[in-house]
Amino acid sequence: MKTVQISLNSIDKVKSFVNDITKFDYDFDLVSGRYVIDAKSIMGIFSLDLSKPIDLNIHAEDNFDEIMATLKPYLIQ
């Protein structure tokens, strides 16, 4: 598992983020405080405080380069 911080501060960003990660068969969890949400759930994402950075847990064993390239627009540097 790998954890990165992302920012989803607009509705369009949330929609494109979900579209991008649903292409992968791996599990992705968003962690905000004590809440853990399936990152492929648009409704779940909108239940989080999107004004703050969110931790994304990536449950993948390989393809990290491809996943990170897909996530590049959302990553907090």
PDB file of N, CA and C in Angstrom:
ATOM      1  N   MET A   1       0.845  -1.182   0.000  1.00  0.00           N
ATOM      2  CA  MET A   1       0.000   0.000   0.000  1.00  0.00           C
ATOM      3  C   MET A   1       0.890   1.246   0.000  1.00  0.00           C
ATOM      4  N   LYS A   2       0.428   2.254  -0.702  1.00  0.00           N
ATOM      5  CA  LYS A   2       1.137   3.536  -0.765  1.00  0.00           C
ATOM      6  C   LYS A   2       0.131   4.631  -0.450  1.00  0.00           C
ATOM      7  N   THR A   3       0.575   5.665   0.255  1.00  0.00           N
ATOM      8  CA  THR A   3      -0.298   6.780   0.605  1.00  0.00           C
ATOM      9  C   THR A   3       0.260   8.072   0.032  1.00  0.00           C
ATOM     10  N   VAL A   4      -0.608   8.841  -0.635  1.00  0.00           N
ATOM     11  CA  VAL A   4      -0.236  10.150  -1.171  1.00  0.00           C
ATOM     12  C   VAL A   4      -1.298  11.160  -0.754  1.00  0.00           C
ATOM     13  N   GLN A   5      -0.942  12.444  -0.772  1.00  0.00           N
ATOM     14  CA  GLN A   5      -1.912  13.487  -0.467  1.00  0.00           C
ATOM     15  C   GLN A   5      -2.415  14.098  -1.760  1.00  0.00           C
ATOM     16  N   ILE A   6      -3.739  14.264  -1.824  1.00  0.00           N
ATOM     17  CA  ILE A   6      -4.346  14.845  -3.019  1.00  0.00           C
ATOM     18  C   ILE A   6      -5.258  16.003  -2.618  1.00  0.00           C
ATOM     19  N   SER A   7      -5.607  16.795  -3.611  1.00  0.00           N
ATOM     20  CA  SER A   7      -6.538  17.899  -3.420  1.00  0.00           C
ATOM     21  C   SER A   7      -7.672  17.746  -4.428  1.00  0.00           C
ATOM     22  N   LEU A   8      -8.899  17.745  -3.926  1.00  0.00           N
ATOM     23  CA  LEU A   8     -10.097  17.666  -4.780  1.00  0.00           C
ATOM     24  C   LEU A   8     -10.984  18.857  -4.435  1.00  0.00           C
ATOM     25  N   ASN A   9     -10.552  20.051  -4.858  1.00  0.00           N
ATOM     26  CA  ASN A   9     -11.212  21.267  -4.396  1.00  0.00           C
ATOM     27  C   ASN A   9     -12.269  21.823  -5.354  1.00  0.00           C
ATOM     28  N   SER A  10     -12.714  21.012  -6.328  1.00  0.00           N
ATOM     29  CA  SER A  10     -13.811  21.458  -7.189  1.00  0.00           C
ATOM     30  C   SER A  10     -14.625  20.240  -7.647  1.00  0.00           C
ATOM     31  N   ILE A  11     -15.846  20.493  -8.048  1.00  0.00           N
ATOM     32  CA  ILE A  11     -16.731  19.409  -8.499  1.00  0.00           C
ATOM     33  C   ILE A  11     -16.148  18.731  -9.731  1.00  0.00           C
ATOM     34  N   ASP A  12     -15.619  19.520 -10.663  1.00  0.00           N
ATOM     35  CA  ASP A  12     -15.038  18.941 -11.878  1.00  0.00           C
ATOM     36  C   ASP A  12     -13.840  18.063 -11.558  1.00  0.00           C
ATOM     37  N   LYS A  13     -13.029  18.489 -10.581  1.00  0.00           N
ATOM     38  CA  LYS A  13     -11.869  17.690 -10.177  1.00  0.00           C
ATOM     39  C   LYS A  13     -12.308  16.349  -9.591  1.00  0.00           C
ATOM     40  N   VAL A  14     -13.363  16.366  -8.787  1.00  0.00           N
ATOM     41  CA  VAL A  14     -13.871  15.120  -8.190  1.00  0.00           C
ATOM     42  C   VAL A  14     -14.349  14.180  -9.290  1.00  0.00           C
ATOM     43  N   LYS A  15     -15.115  14.702 -10.240  1.00  0.00           N
ATOM     44  CA  LYS A  15     -15.633  13.860 -11.328  1.00  0.00           C
ATOM     45  C   LYS A  15     -14.506  13.256 -12.155  1.00  0.00           C
ATOM     46  N   SER A  16     -13.531  14.064 -12.525  1.00  0.00           N
ATOM     47  CA  SER A  16     -12.441  13.537 -13.346  1.00  0.00           C
ATOM     48  C   SER A  16     -11.562  12.575 -12.549  1.00  0.00           C
ATOM     49  N   PHE A  17     -11.393  12.830 -11.238  1.00  0.00           N
ATOM     50  CA  PHE A  17     -10.619  11.924 -10.381  1.00  0.00           C
ATOM     51  C   PHE A  17     -11.270  10.534 -10.338  1.00  0.00           C
ATOM     52  N   VAL A  18     -12.582  10.503 -10.096  1.00  0.00           N
ATOM     53  CA  VAL A  18     -13.288   9.217 -10.035  1.00  0.00           C
ATOM     54  C   VAL A  18     -13.217   8.501 -11.388  1.00  0.00           C
ATOM     55  N   ASN A  19     -13.401   9.237 -12.481  1.00  0.00           N
ATOM     56  CA  ASN A  19     -13.291   8.630 -13.810  1.00  0.00           C
ATOM     57  C   ASN A  19     -11.902   8.049 -14.050  1.00  0.00           C
ATOM     58  N   ASP A  20     -10.872   8.760 -13.592  1.00  0.00           N
ATOM     59  CA  ASP A  20      -9.498   8.300 -13.796  1.00  0.00           C
ATOM     60  C   ASP A  20      -9.181   7.039 -13.000  1.00  0.00           C
ATOM     61  N   ILE A  21      -9.574   6.992 -11.721  1.00  0.00           N
ATOM     62  CA  ILE A  21      -9.167   5.827 -10.910  1.00  0.00           C
ATOM     63  C   ILE A  21     -10.058   4.605 -11.132  1.00  0.00           C
ATOM     64  N   THR A  22     -11.254   4.779 -11.684  1.00  0.00           N
ATOM     65  CA  THR A  22     -12.079   3.598 -11.943  1.00  0.00           C
ATOM     66  C   THR A  22     -11.507   2.759 -13.081  1.00  0.00           C
ATOM     67  N   LYS A  23     -10.526   3.285 -13.818  1.00  0.00           N
ATOM     68  CA  LYS A  23      -9.870   2.510 -14.869  1.00  0.00           C
ATOM     69  C   LYS A  23      -8.976   1.409 -14.288  1.00  0.00           C
ATOM     70  N   PHE A  24      -8.642   1.528 -12.997  1.00  0.00           N
ATOM     71  CA  PHE A  24      -7.777   0.554 -12.340  1.00  0.00           C
ATOM     72  C   PHE A  24      -8.607  -0.425 -11.521  1.00  0.00           C
ATOM     73  N   ASP A  25      -8.153  -1.690 -11.476  1.00  0.00           N
ATOM     74  CA  ASP A  25      -8.871  -2.716 -10.713  1.00  0.00           C
ATOM     75  C   ASP A  25      -8.482  -2.737  -9.239  1.00  0.00           C
ATOM     76  N   TYR A  26      -7.636  -1.831  -8.817  1.00  0.00           N
ATOM     77  CA  TYR A  26      -7.178  -1.814  -7.429  1.00  0.00           C
ATOM     78  C   TYR A  26      -8.159  -1.034  -6.551  1.00  0.00           C
ATOM     79  N   ASP A  27      -8.009  -1.229  -5.229  1.00  0.00           N
ATOM     80  CA  ASP A  27      -8.820  -0.480  -4.281  1.00  0.00           C
ATOM     81  C   ASP A  27      -8.115   0.819  -3.926  1.00  0.00           C
ATOM     82  N   PHE A  28      -8.881   1.892  -3.820  1.00  0.00           N
ATOM     83  CA  PHE A  28      -8.382   3.194  -3.420  1.00  0.00           C
ATOM     84  C   PHE A  28      -9.270   3.697  -2.282  1.00  0.00           C
ATOM     85  N   ASP A  29      -8.662   4.137  -1.182  1.00  0.00           N
ATOM     86  CA  ASP A  29      -9.408   4.684  -0.055  1.00  0.00           C
ATOM     87  C   ASP A  29      -8.985   6.121   0.185  1.00  0.00           C
ATOM     88  N   LEU A  30      -9.954   6.983   0.456  1.00  0.00           N
ATOM     89  CA  LEU A  30      -9.667   8.355   0.861  1.00  0.00           C
ATOM     90  C   LEU A  30      -9.826   8.441   2.372  1.00  0.00           C
ATOM     91  N   VAL A  31      -8.844   9.030   3.040  1.00  0.00           N
ATOM     92  CA  VAL A  31      -8.855   9.137   4.498  1.00  0.00           C
ATOM     93  C   VAL A  31      -8.827  10.611   4.870  1.00  0.00           C
ATOM     94  N   SER A  32      -9.858  11.031   5.568  1.00  0.00           N
ATOM     95  CA  SER A  32      -9.950  12.410   6.045  1.00  0.00           C
ATOM     96  C   SER A  32     -10.357  12.351   7.514  1.00  0.00           C
ATOM     97  N   GLY A  33      -9.405  12.639   8.391  1.00  0.00           N
ATOM     98  CA  GLY A  33      -9.680  12.523   9.824  1.00  0.00           C
ATOM     99  C   GLY A  33      -9.950  11.069  10.178  1.00  0.00           C
ATOM    100  N   ARG A  34     -11.108  10.803  10.758  1.00  0.00           N
ATOM    101  CA  ARG A  34     -11.435   9.417  11.120  1.00  0.00           C
ATOM    102  C   ARG A  34     -12.325   8.731  10.079  1.00  0.00           C
ATOM    103  N   TYR A  35     -12.571   9.402   8.982  1.00  0.00           N
ATOM    104  CA  TYR A  35     -13.414   8.837   7.930  1.00  0.00           C
ATOM    105  C   TYR A  35     -12.572   8.169   6.850  1.00  0.00           C
ATOM    106  N   VAL A  36     -12.993   6.977   6.445  1.00  0.00           N
ATOM    107  CA  VAL A  36     -12.354   6.265   5.336  1.00  0.00           C
ATOM    108  C   VAL A  36     -13.438   5.998   4.301  1.00  0.00           C
ATOM    109  N   ILE A  37     -13.228   6.488   3.078  1.00  0.00           N
ATOM    110  CA  ILE A  37     -14.229   6.433   2.019  1.00  0.00           C
ATOM    111  C   ILE A  37     -13.643   5.698   0.813  1.00  0.00           C
ATOM    112  N   ASP A  38     -14.470   4.923   0.126  1.00  0.00           N
ATOM    113  CA  ASP A  38     -14.066   4.318  -1.139  1.00  0.00           C
ATOM    114  C   ASP A  38     -13.856   5.458  -2.140  1.00  0.00           C
ATOM    115  N   ALA A  39     -12.642   5.564  -2.670  1.00  0.00           N
ATOM    116  CA  ALA A  39     -12.317   6.696  -3.553  1.00  0.00           C
ATOM    117  C   ALA A  39     -13.046   6.633  -4.888  1.00  0.00           C
ATOM    118  N   LYS A  40     -13.676   5.511  -5.201  1.00  0.00           N
ATOM    119  CA  LYS A  40     -14.417   5.394  -6.463  1.00  0.00           C
ATOM    120  C   LYS A  40     -15.883   5.809  -6.302  1.00  0.00           C
ATOM    121  N   SER A  41     -16.245   6.266  -5.098  1.00  0.00           N
ATOM    122  CA  SER A  41     -17.620   6.671  -4.800  1.00  0.00           C
ATOM    123  C   SER A  41     -17.740   8.197  -4.793  1.00  0.00           C
ATOM    124  N   ILE A  42     -18.401   8.735  -5.801  1.00  0.00           N
ATOM    125  CA  ILE A  42     -18.577  10.188  -5.874  1.00  0.00           C
ATOM    126  C   ILE A  42     -19.356  10.695  -4.656  1.00  0.00           C
ATOM    127  N   MET A  43     -20.407   9.994  -4.284  1.00  0.00           N
ATOM    128  CA  MET A  43     -21.210  10.418  -3.128  1.00  0.00           C
ATOM    129  C   MET A  43     -20.371  10.401  -1.852  1.00  0.00           C
ATOM    130  N   GLY A  44     -19.540   9.378  -1.701  1.00  0.00           N
ATOM    131  CA  GLY A  44     -18.667   9.302  -0.533  1.00  0.00           C
ATOM    132  C   GLY A  44     -17.695  10.463  -0.481  1.00  0.00           C
ATOM    133  N   ILE A  45     -17.120  10.806  -1.622  1.00  0.00           N
ATOM    134  CA  ILE A  45     -16.153  11.908  -1.674  1.00  0.00           C
ATOM    135  C   ILE A  45     -16.810  13.225  -1.268  1.00  0.00           C
ATOM    136  N   PHE A  46     -18.045  13.449  -1.718  1.00  0.00           N
ATOM    137  CA  PHE A  46     -18.720  14.705  -1.378  1.00  0.00           C
ATOM    138  C   PHE A  46     -19.125  14.776   0.096  1.00  0.00           C
ATOM    139  N   SER A  47     -19.012  13.663   0.827  1.00  0.00           N
ATOM    140  CA  SER A  47     -19.298  13.702   2.261  1.00  0.00           C
ATOM    141  C   SER A  47     -18.070  14.157   3.060  1.00  0.00           C
ATOM    142  N   LEU A  48     -16.921  14.307   2.386  1.00  0.00           N
ATOM    143  CA  LEU A  48     -15.694  14.733   3.057  1.00  0.00           C
ATOM    144  C   LEU A  48     -15.530  16.250   2.986  1.00  0.00           C
ATOM    145  N   ASP A  49     -14.654  16.768   3.837  1.00  0.00           N
ATOM    146  CA  ASP A  49     -14.292  18.188   3.792  1.00  0.00           C
ATOM    147  C   ASP A  49     -13.260  18.362   2.682  1.00  0.00           C
ATOM    148  N   LEU A  50     -13.689  18.852   1.530  1.00  0.00           N
ATOM    149  CA  LEU A  50     -12.821  18.945   0.362  1.00  0.00           C
ATOM    150  C   LEU A  50     -11.956  20.207   0.350  1.00  0.00           C
ATOM    151  N   SER A  51     -12.084  21.040   1.383  1.00  0.00           N
ATOM    152  CA  SER A  51     -11.260  22.245   1.437  1.00  0.00           C
ATOM    153  C   SER A  51      -9.854  21.940   1.949  1.00  0.00           C
ATOM    154  N   LYS A  52      -9.654  20.730   2.478  1.00  0.00           N
ATOM    155  CA  LYS A  52      -8.352  20.328   3.017  1.00  0.00           C
ATOM    156  C   LYS A  52      -7.763  19.208   2.167  1.00  0.00           C
ATOM    157  N   PRO A  53      -6.441  19.028   2.237  1.00  0.00           N
ATOM    158  CA  PRO A  53      -5.822  17.884   1.551  1.00  0.00           C
ATOM    159  C   PRO A  53      -6.353  16.567   2.125  1.00  0.00           C
ATOM    160  N   ILE A  54      -6.435  15.562   1.278  1.00  0.00           N
ATOM    161  CA  ILE A  54      -6.964  14.260   1.669  1.00  0.00           C
ATOM    162  C   ILE A  54      -5.906  13.195   1.379  1.00  0.00           C
ATOM    163  N   ASP A  55      -5.773  12.233   2.289  1.00  0.00           N
ATOM    164  CA  ASP A  55      -4.855  11.120   2.062  1.00  0.00           C
ATOM    165  C   ASP A  55      -5.524  10.079   1.179  1.00  0.00           C
ATOM    166  N   LEU A  56      -4.800   9.629   0.163  1.00  0.00           N
ATOM    167  CA  LEU A  56      -5.287   8.575  -0.723  1.00  0.00           C
ATOM    168  C   LEU A  56      -4.440   7.337  -0.495  1.00  0.00           C
ATOM    169  N   ASN A  57      -5.064   6.253  -0.030  1.00  0.00           N
ATOM    170  CA  ASN A  57      -4.377   4.974   0.133  1.00  0.00           C
ATOM    171  C   ASN A  57      -4.572   4.157  -1.138  1.00  0.00           C
ATOM    172  N   ILE A  58      -3.469   3.742  -1.741  1.00  0.00           N
ATOM    173  CA  ILE A  58      -3.506   2.965  -2.978  1.00  0.00           C
ATOM    174  C   ILE A  58      -3.144   1.525  -2.637  1.00  0.00           C
ATOM    175  N   HIS A  59      -4.089   0.618  -2.818  1.00  0.00           N
ATOM    176  CA  HIS A  59      -3.869  -0.791  -2.503  1.00  0.00           C
ATOM    177  C   HIS A  59      -3.525  -1.535  -3.789  1.00  0.00           C
ATOM    178  N   ALA A  60      -2.295  -1.341  -4.246  1.00  0.00           N
ATOM    179  CA  ALA A  60      -1.850  -1.968  -5.489  1.00  0.00           C
ATOM    180  C   ALA A  60      -0.488  -2.600  -5.263  1.00  0.00           C
ATOM    181  N   GLU A  61      -0.230  -3.684  -5.977  1.00  0.00           N
ATOM    182  CA  GLU A  61       1.067  -4.336  -5.854  1.00  0.00           C
ATOM    183  C   GLU A  61       2.023  -3.939  -6.973  1.00  0.00           C
ATOM    184  N   ASP A  62       1.469  -3.469  -8.086  1.00  0.00           N
ATOM    185  CA  ASP A  62       2.310  -3.071  -9.208  1.00  0.00           C
ATOM    186  C   ASP A  62       1.631  -1.922  -9.951  1.00  0.00           C
ATOM    187  N   ASN A  63       2.199  -1.526 -11.082  1.00  0.00           N
ATOM    188  CA  ASN A  63       1.668  -0.418 -11.903  1.00  0.00           C
ATOM    189  C   ASN A  63       1.689   0.929 -11.193  1.00  0.00           C
ATOM    190  N   PHE A  64       2.566   1.096 -10.183  1.00  0.00           N
ATOM    191  CA  PHE A  64       2.600   2.370  -9.460  1.00  0.00           C
ATOM    192  C   PHE A  64       2.943   3.539 -10.371  1.00  0.00           C
ATOM    193  N   ASP A  65       3.826   3.316 -11.359  1.00  0.00           N
ATOM    194  CA  ASP A  65       4.189   4.411 -12.263  1.00  0.00           C
ATOM    195  C   ASP A  65       2.978   4.898 -13.046  1.00  0.00           C
ATOM    196  N   GLU A  66       2.176   3.956 -13.545  1.00  0.00           N
ATOM    197  CA  GLU A  66       0.979   4.316 -14.311  1.00  0.00           C
ATOM    198  C   GLU A  66      -0.050   5.011 -13.414  1.00  0.00           C
ATOM    199  N   ILE A  67      -0.227   4.494 -12.204  1.00  0.00           N
ATOM    200  CA  ILE A  67      -1.179   5.092 -11.269  1.00  0.00           C
ATOM    201  C   ILE A  67      -0.747   6.513 -10.906  1.00  0.00           C
ATOM    202  N   MET A  68       0.538   6.692 -10.596  1.00  0.00           N
ATOM    203  CA  MET A  68       1.030   8.017 -10.205  1.00  0.00           C
ATOM    204  C   MET A  68       0.934   9.014 -11.363  1.00  0.00           C
ATOM    205  N   ALA A  69       1.147   8.548 -12.584  1.00  0.00           N
ATOM    206  CA  ALA A  69       1.007   9.426 -13.747  1.00  0.00           C
ATOM    207  C   ALA A  69      -0.443   9.874 -13.897  1.00  0.00           C
ATOM    208  N   THR A  70      -1.387   8.966 -13.653  1.00  0.00           N
ATOM    209  CA  THR A  70      -2.815   9.293 -13.724  1.00  0.00           C
ATOM    210  C   THR A  70      -3.205  10.271 -12.620  1.00  0.00           C
ATOM    211  N   LEU A  71      -2.602  10.129 -11.442  1.00  0.00           N
ATOM    212  CA  LEU A  71      -2.953  10.962 -10.294  1.00  0.00           C
ATOM    213  C   LEU A  71      -2.255  12.322 -10.285  1.00  0.00           C
ATOM    214  N   LYS A  72      -1.325  12.540 -11.184  1.00  0.00           N
ATOM    215  CA  LYS A  72      -0.500  13.761 -11.181  1.00  0.00           C
ATOM    216  C   LYS A  72      -1.299  15.065 -11.046  1.00  0.00           C
ATOM    217  N   PRO A  73      -2.432  15.240 -11.744  1.00  0.00           N
ATOM    218  CA  PRO A  73      -3.169  16.520 -11.611  1.00  0.00           C
ATOM    219  C   PRO A  73      -3.746  16.753 -10.217  1.00  0.00           C
ATOM    220  N   TYR A  74      -3.860  15.709  -9.405  1.00  0.00           N
ATOM    221  CA  TYR A  74      -4.520  15.824  -8.101  1.00  0.00           C
ATOM    222  C   TYR A  74      -3.522  15.856  -6.933  1.00  0.00           C
ATOM    223  N   LEU A  75      -2.274  15.494  -7.201  1.00  0.00           N
ATOM    224  CA  LEU A  75      -1.281  15.378  -6.138  1.00  0.00           C
ATOM    225  C   LEU A  75      -0.894  16.740  -5.583  1.00  0.00           C
ATOM    226  N   ILE A  76      -0.623  16.763  -4.276  1.00  0.00           N
ATOM    227  CA  ILE A  76      -0.107  17.959  -3.624  1.00  0.00           C
ATOM    228  C   ILE A  76       1.413  17.789  -3.580  1.00  0.00           C
ATOM    229  N   GLN A  77       2.112  18.732  -4.169  1.00  0.00           N
ATOM    230  CA  GLN A  77       3.581  18.618  -4.272  1.00  0.00           C
ATOM    231  C   GLN A  77       4.249  18.976  -2.974  1.00  0.00           C
TER     232      GLN A  77
END
